Protein backbone atom coordinates (compact mmCIF):
# COMPACT_ATOMS: atom_id res chain seq x y z
CA UNK A 1 87.05 98.38 104.00
CA UNK A 2 84.29 96.57 102.14
CA UNK A 3 83.36 97.40 98.61
CA UNK A 4 80.79 100.04 97.84
CA UNK A 5 77.65 98.11 97.03
CA UNK A 6 76.90 99.45 93.59
CA UNK A 7 78.26 99.19 90.11
CA UNK A 8 79.62 102.45 88.75
CA UNK A 9 79.71 101.67 85.06
CA UNK A 10 79.30 99.02 82.40
CA UNK A 11 80.99 98.76 79.05
CA UNK A 12 78.91 97.43 76.15
CA UNK A 13 81.43 94.61 75.76
CA UNK A 14 80.55 93.29 79.21
CA UNK A 15 83.20 95.10 81.25
CA UNK A 16 82.00 96.27 84.64
CA UNK A 17 83.64 98.67 87.11
CA UNK A 18 82.79 98.49 90.81
CA UNK A 19 83.98 101.12 93.28
CA UNK A 20 85.75 99.63 96.31
CA UNK A 21 86.04 102.61 98.68
CA UNK A 22 83.89 105.72 99.23
CA UNK A 23 86.63 107.99 97.88
CA UNK A 24 88.53 105.94 95.30
CA UNK A 25 89.71 102.50 94.07
CA UNK A 26 87.70 100.29 91.73
CA UNK A 27 87.60 96.73 90.47
CA UNK A 28 87.47 96.06 86.75
CA UNK A 29 85.77 92.78 85.82
CA UNK A 30 85.50 91.19 82.40
CA UNK A 31 88.62 92.68 80.79
CA UNK A 32 91.52 90.42 79.77
CA UNK A 33 94.68 92.45 79.24
CA UNK A 34 97.09 89.68 78.23
CA UNK A 35 96.66 90.32 74.51
CA UNK A 36 96.54 94.11 74.59
CA UNK A 37 93.63 96.54 74.52
CA UNK A 38 91.43 98.02 71.88
CA UNK A 39 91.24 101.82 71.73
CA UNK A 40 87.83 101.70 73.39
CA UNK A 41 89.22 99.56 76.21
CA UNK A 42 92.30 101.76 76.58
CA UNK A 43 90.10 104.85 76.86
CA UNK A 44 87.99 103.10 79.48
CA UNK A 45 91.10 102.34 81.56
CA UNK A 46 92.40 105.91 81.24
CA UNK A 47 89.07 107.30 82.37
CA UNK A 48 88.95 104.82 85.26
CA UNK A 49 92.45 105.60 86.54
CA UNK A 50 91.68 109.33 86.43
CA UNK A 51 88.51 108.82 88.39
CA UNK A 52 89.50 106.10 90.88
CA UNK A 53 93.35 106.43 91.11
CA UNK A 54 93.63 102.69 91.92
CA UNK A 55 92.11 100.02 89.70
CA UNK A 56 92.17 96.27 90.23
CA UNK A 57 92.12 93.92 87.24
CA UNK A 58 90.97 90.48 88.36
CA UNK A 59 91.68 87.07 86.84
CA UNK A 60 94.76 87.97 84.80
CA UNK A 61 96.53 84.61 85.17
CA UNK A 62 97.32 84.60 81.44
CA UNK A 63 99.43 87.75 81.82
CA UNK A 64 103.16 86.99 81.66
CA UNK A 65 106.11 89.36 82.17
CA UNK A 66 106.21 90.44 78.53
CA UNK A 67 102.48 91.07 78.56
CA UNK A 68 102.72 93.16 81.71
CA UNK A 69 105.47 95.29 80.17
CA UNK A 70 103.47 95.72 76.96
CA UNK A 71 100.33 96.66 78.87
CA UNK A 72 102.29 99.19 80.95
CA UNK A 73 103.87 100.69 77.83
CA UNK A 74 100.41 101.53 76.51
CA UNK A 75 100.26 104.20 79.25
CA UNK A 76 103.76 105.69 79.08
CA UNK A 77 107.49 105.07 78.91
CA UNK A 78 108.38 102.14 81.15
CA UNK A 79 111.15 102.95 83.61
CA UNK A 80 113.99 100.50 84.24
CA UNK A 81 114.30 99.10 87.75
CA UNK A 82 116.97 100.77 89.89
CA UNK A 83 118.31 97.28 90.72
CA UNK A 84 119.68 96.76 87.21
CA UNK A 85 123.16 98.10 87.89
CA UNK A 86 123.76 96.68 91.37
CA UNK A 87 126.95 94.62 91.42
CA UNK A 88 126.10 93.12 94.81
CA UNK A 89 122.65 91.84 93.90
CA UNK A 90 121.80 89.25 91.28
CA UNK A 91 118.47 89.77 89.53
CA UNK A 92 115.97 86.90 89.36
CA UNK A 93 113.85 88.53 86.64
CA UNK A 94 115.45 89.00 83.24
CA UNK A 95 113.71 92.07 81.88
CA UNK A 96 115.20 95.38 83.07
CA UNK A 97 111.74 96.96 83.27
CA UNK A 98 110.67 94.56 86.03
CA UNK A 99 111.14 95.23 89.73
CA UNK A 100 111.09 92.06 91.82
CA UNK A 101 108.79 92.75 94.79
CA UNK A 102 109.12 89.24 96.17
CA UNK A 103 110.72 87.07 98.82
CA UNK A 104 111.62 84.39 96.26
CA UNK A 105 115.04 83.18 95.13
CA UNK A 106 115.97 81.83 91.70
CA UNK A 107 114.89 78.32 92.75
CA UNK A 108 111.48 79.51 93.90
CA UNK A 109 112.22 79.19 97.62
CA UNK A 110 111.46 81.79 100.28
CA UNK A 111 114.39 84.07 101.10
CA UNK A 112 115.38 84.74 104.71
CA UNK A 113 114.51 88.17 106.09
CA UNK A 114 118.18 89.13 106.36
CA UNK A 115 118.87 88.52 102.67
CA UNK A 116 120.09 91.67 100.92
CA UNK A 117 117.16 91.79 98.49
CA UNK A 118 114.71 91.55 101.39
CA UNK A 119 116.47 94.30 103.35
CA UNK A 120 116.35 96.54 100.28
CA UNK A 121 112.55 96.10 100.23
CA UNK A 122 112.08 97.52 103.73
CA UNK A 123 111.23 101.06 102.52
CA UNK A 124 108.17 99.59 100.79
CA UNK A 125 106.63 99.20 104.25
CA UNK A 126 106.57 102.99 104.58
CA UNK A 127 103.99 105.22 102.95
CA UNK A 128 105.52 106.31 99.65
CA UNK A 129 104.91 107.09 96.00
CA UNK A 130 106.99 105.18 93.45
CA UNK A 131 110.00 106.88 91.88
CA UNK A 132 109.35 110.31 93.42
CA UNK A 133 113.13 110.50 93.90
CA UNK A 134 113.58 110.36 90.12
CA UNK A 135 113.12 113.00 87.46
CA UNK A 136 110.79 112.26 85.79
CA UNK A 137 109.01 110.49 88.65
CA UNK A 138 106.62 107.59 88.30
CA UNK A 139 103.15 108.20 86.90
CA UNK A 140 101.48 104.79 86.96
CA UNK A 141 102.61 101.60 88.68
CA UNK A 142 101.43 98.09 87.73
CA UNK A 143 101.87 95.28 90.26
CA UNK A 144 101.07 91.69 89.32
CA UNK A 145 100.48 88.90 91.83
CA UNK A 146 101.86 85.51 90.80
CA UNK A 147 102.22 83.56 94.08
CA UNK A 148 100.72 84.64 97.40
CA UNK A 149 100.87 83.59 101.04
CA UNK A 150 97.62 82.25 102.53
CA UNK A 151 97.03 85.53 104.38
CA UNK A 152 98.59 88.93 104.97
CA UNK A 153 100.67 91.01 102.59
CA UNK A 154 97.94 93.50 101.74
CA UNK A 155 98.88 96.69 99.94
CA UNK A 156 97.37 99.83 101.44
CA UNK A 157 96.61 102.93 99.38
CA UNK A 158 95.86 106.49 100.55
CA UNK A 159 93.84 108.89 98.40
CA UNK A 160 95.86 112.11 98.36
CA UNK A 161 93.14 113.97 96.43
CA UNK A 162 90.53 113.36 99.12
CA UNK A 163 93.04 114.34 101.79
CA UNK A 164 93.83 117.59 99.98
CA UNK A 165 90.13 118.34 99.52
CA UNK A 166 89.61 117.96 103.28
CA UNK A 167 92.21 120.61 104.20
CA UNK A 168 90.85 123.98 105.19
CA UNK A 169 91.45 126.95 102.90
CA UNK A 170 94.21 128.39 105.09
CA UNK A 171 96.19 125.14 104.86
CA UNK A 172 95.66 124.97 101.11
CA UNK A 173 96.86 128.54 100.65
CA UNK A 174 99.93 128.00 102.85
CA UNK A 175 101.21 125.01 100.88
CA UNK A 176 100.12 125.99 97.36
CA UNK A 177 103.56 127.08 96.12
CA UNK A 178 105.83 124.79 98.13
CA UNK A 179 108.32 122.38 96.55
CA UNK A 180 109.81 119.29 98.14
CA UNK A 181 113.07 117.46 97.59
CA UNK A 182 112.60 113.67 97.38
CA UNK A 183 115.53 111.35 98.07
CA UNK A 184 115.71 107.55 98.22
CA UNK A 185 118.47 107.90 100.81
CA UNK A 186 115.96 109.21 103.35
CA UNK A 187 113.57 106.26 103.13
CA UNK A 188 116.49 103.83 103.27
CA UNK A 189 117.61 105.39 106.54
CA UNK A 190 114.24 105.52 108.28
CA UNK A 191 113.38 101.96 107.16
CA UNK A 192 116.71 100.60 108.48
CA UNK A 193 117.58 99.41 104.98
CA UNK A 194 121.09 99.31 103.43
CA UNK A 195 122.21 102.88 102.70
CA UNK A 196 122.82 104.11 99.19
CA UNK A 197 126.32 103.50 97.89
CA UNK A 198 128.30 106.46 96.61
CA UNK A 199 127.69 105.26 93.05
CA UNK A 200 123.94 105.10 93.70
CA UNK A 201 123.95 108.56 95.25
CA UNK A 202 125.46 109.89 92.05
CA UNK A 203 123.03 107.93 89.88
CA UNK A 204 120.02 108.88 92.03
CA UNK A 205 120.70 112.39 93.33
CA UNK A 206 117.08 113.06 94.22
CA UNK A 207 114.45 115.30 92.61
CA UNK A 208 112.32 118.31 93.43
CA UNK A 209 108.54 118.26 92.93
CA UNK A 210 105.57 120.44 93.94
CA UNK A 211 103.91 119.58 97.24
CA UNK A 212 100.52 120.12 95.59
CA UNK A 213 99.97 118.73 92.11
CA UNK A 214 97.11 119.35 89.69
CA UNK A 215 96.18 116.44 87.45
CA UNK A 216 95.88 117.60 83.83
CA UNK A 217 93.02 115.33 82.79
CA UNK A 218 90.80 115.54 85.87
CA UNK A 219 91.85 118.98 87.14
CA UNK A 220 91.85 117.68 90.73
CA UNK A 221 94.56 118.71 93.15
CA UNK A 222 96.41 116.28 95.38
CA UNK A 223 99.18 116.19 97.95
CA UNK A 224 102.48 114.70 96.77
CA UNK A 225 104.27 113.22 99.77
CA UNK A 226 105.79 109.96 100.97
CA UNK A 227 108.78 108.57 102.79
CA UNK A 228 111.15 109.81 100.06
CA UNK A 229 110.05 113.41 100.78
CA UNK A 230 113.14 114.79 102.50
CA UNK A 231 112.89 118.57 102.81
CA UNK A 232 110.79 121.57 101.82
CA UNK A 233 112.82 123.87 99.61
CA UNK A 234 113.67 127.13 101.35
CA UNK A 235 112.49 126.01 104.79
CA UNK A 236 114.50 125.13 107.87
CA UNK A 237 114.91 121.37 108.18
CA UNK A 238 112.96 120.96 111.43
CA UNK A 239 110.10 123.19 110.28
CA UNK A 240 109.82 121.44 106.92
CA UNK A 241 109.96 118.01 108.45
CA UNK A 242 107.18 118.89 110.88
CA UNK A 243 104.86 120.00 108.07
CA UNK A 244 105.57 116.94 105.93
CA UNK A 245 104.92 114.63 108.90
CA UNK A 246 101.72 116.48 109.77
CA UNK A 247 100.36 116.23 106.23
CA UNK A 248 101.34 112.56 105.91
CA UNK A 249 99.58 111.67 109.16
CA UNK A 250 96.47 113.56 108.02
CA UNK A 251 96.44 111.91 104.57
CA UNK A 252 96.78 108.36 105.90
CA UNK A 253 93.84 108.43 108.29
CA UNK A 254 91.68 105.30 107.89
CA UNK A 255 88.95 107.25 106.07
CA UNK A 256 91.34 107.87 103.15
CA UNK A 257 92.85 104.35 103.01
CA UNK A 258 91.90 101.33 100.90
CA UNK A 259 93.56 98.02 101.85
CA UNK A 260 93.84 95.65 98.91
CA UNK A 261 93.64 91.94 99.73
CA UNK A 262 95.49 90.21 96.90
CA UNK A 263 94.24 87.27 94.90
CA UNK A 264 96.42 85.29 92.51
CA UNK A 265 96.00 86.75 89.04
CA UNK A 266 95.40 90.30 90.24
CA UNK A 267 97.04 93.19 88.46
CA UNK A 268 96.68 96.50 90.31
CA UNK A 269 97.36 99.79 88.54
CA UNK A 270 97.65 103.04 90.49
CA UNK A 271 98.40 106.69 89.91
CA UNK A 272 101.47 107.75 91.88
CA UNK A 273 100.56 111.41 91.45
CA UNK A 274 97.38 111.04 93.50
CA UNK A 275 98.08 108.20 95.94
CA UNK A 276 100.55 106.87 98.44
CA UNK A 277 100.88 103.18 99.21
CA UNK A 278 102.70 100.76 101.50
CA UNK A 279 103.24 97.03 101.91
CA UNK A 280 101.97 95.20 105.00
CA UNK A 281 103.52 92.15 106.75
CA UNK A 282 102.96 88.49 105.93
CA UNK A 283 104.34 85.18 107.18
CA UNK A 284 107.63 84.92 105.32
CA UNK A 285 107.84 81.14 105.55
CA UNK A 286 105.49 81.37 102.55
CA UNK A 287 106.46 82.73 99.14
CA UNK A 288 105.06 85.95 97.73
CA UNK A 289 105.98 86.55 94.10
CA UNK A 290 105.08 90.02 92.78
CA UNK A 291 106.36 91.84 89.66
CA UNK A 292 106.21 95.62 89.31
CA UNK A 293 106.45 97.98 86.34
CA UNK A 294 106.27 101.76 86.47
CA UNK A 295 105.86 104.31 83.69
CA UNK A 296 107.42 107.76 83.81
CA UNK A 297 105.43 110.95 84.30
CA UNK A 298 106.65 112.72 81.20
CA UNK A 299 103.99 114.94 79.69
CA UNK A 300 101.30 115.96 82.12
């Protein structure tokens, strides 16, 4: 979808924010984050993420791994990647906070699709919210684009606040008090990815979260779903699965979806409490080097 054709705000220091979708998502121009933020800039970003749920920082080529981690840490406690303790997978990126969302080996070459690290990325193609299978789950995710294929590989986002708002009152009342168990094992299975090992099942036993969440700063309500959502607590499996599938299909209608076309130097920040996202295909003869950090949702 094309950008909304108006600017939504300007900072006195020359920072502009342009909305990209009728419901959500915005582009921040004129802000370099490589050397940290002033309090005024930090407040601007916090207000923007509350309002737009997805914000795109352009032209951040100067941002390295350490800078991305430092920027992320300004918004919460950075979670360690779940790949850190895998004995069967060597990590290309040194910092434990970084998740390698790439098809690149240590030499910089494109990995084959059947490589273990690529097969472990298959759940990213499903609609999901980062770290919902953890307690605490993920609040904000930061994804930096270093090397990109010539086309494809968009990331799609769904606005779960707008989807919730569009439900009728009967639907809202019926789901208001429901809780959902989230489990990485489920998304691994439905994505045809390697199953969790017994050690991983013990380390990542899943987590229970409300189906409807209220954001403390904005007060808006949103659905909290995704491919990790395994079962509704207290409901029969088939009945719960049907409701989760129904809500997911409703929330990912095109009118609620923004598709981000990446440019080298982009850093995209999103609120996992109010959005779902998924990766889209690209020609894997080309390299796509992306680094992700996520901060925990600790204190409302």
